[in-house]
């Protein structure tokens, strides 16, 4: 039993390394050898292969995993989805692929209570931000939540994507959000942030 566990762990490490560096041939070989590896996660952060592929912009592997019916909304230790990590790291092709496959844009992590929209705005990835907003206009989010409500969604400390973009000095994201109906609110409480920051960047 111990030897089998050791071998399994070796396969896991090999899979995650191959995913990180975009070695699709090795990924395919490992998954064909042991299909259960597709459900494994890293020990501490509980990142799946899809999380790692999305965060590193490995679109070929993202597509391979999704074609194997991997859930696009898998959660890591902090309840972050692959879409959140792709938006966080500015991996636009992965963001688009995940959205096309049905990834839920209205999920909140447990770290900051943020969505993929918050992360795209915070890190200044305007292309990812626009892709998520476009998806929101044509997805069930628009019908169930309302597009304007989604654009102004607050994180765990009360900050909207606009507040985060302005606070991090991401003028392009600020403009995109304002053009899509983001509201310049008076305060976000937990951040001590006022609308003045947003208007100063929107000029």
Foldseek 3Di string as FASTA:
>chain_A
DVVVVVVVVVLLVQLLVCLLVLVVVSNVVSCVVPVCSQCAADDPFRHGSLLNNLLNLNLVVNVVSVVVVDDQLDQTPFSDGSLLSNLLNLNLSSNLVSVVSPHDQPDATNPWRDGSLLNNLLNQNQSSNVSSLVSCVVDCVCVPPNSLCQLQPAIPQQHGSLQNNLVNVNLSNLQVSVVSNHDQAQASHNVRTGSVSSVVSPD
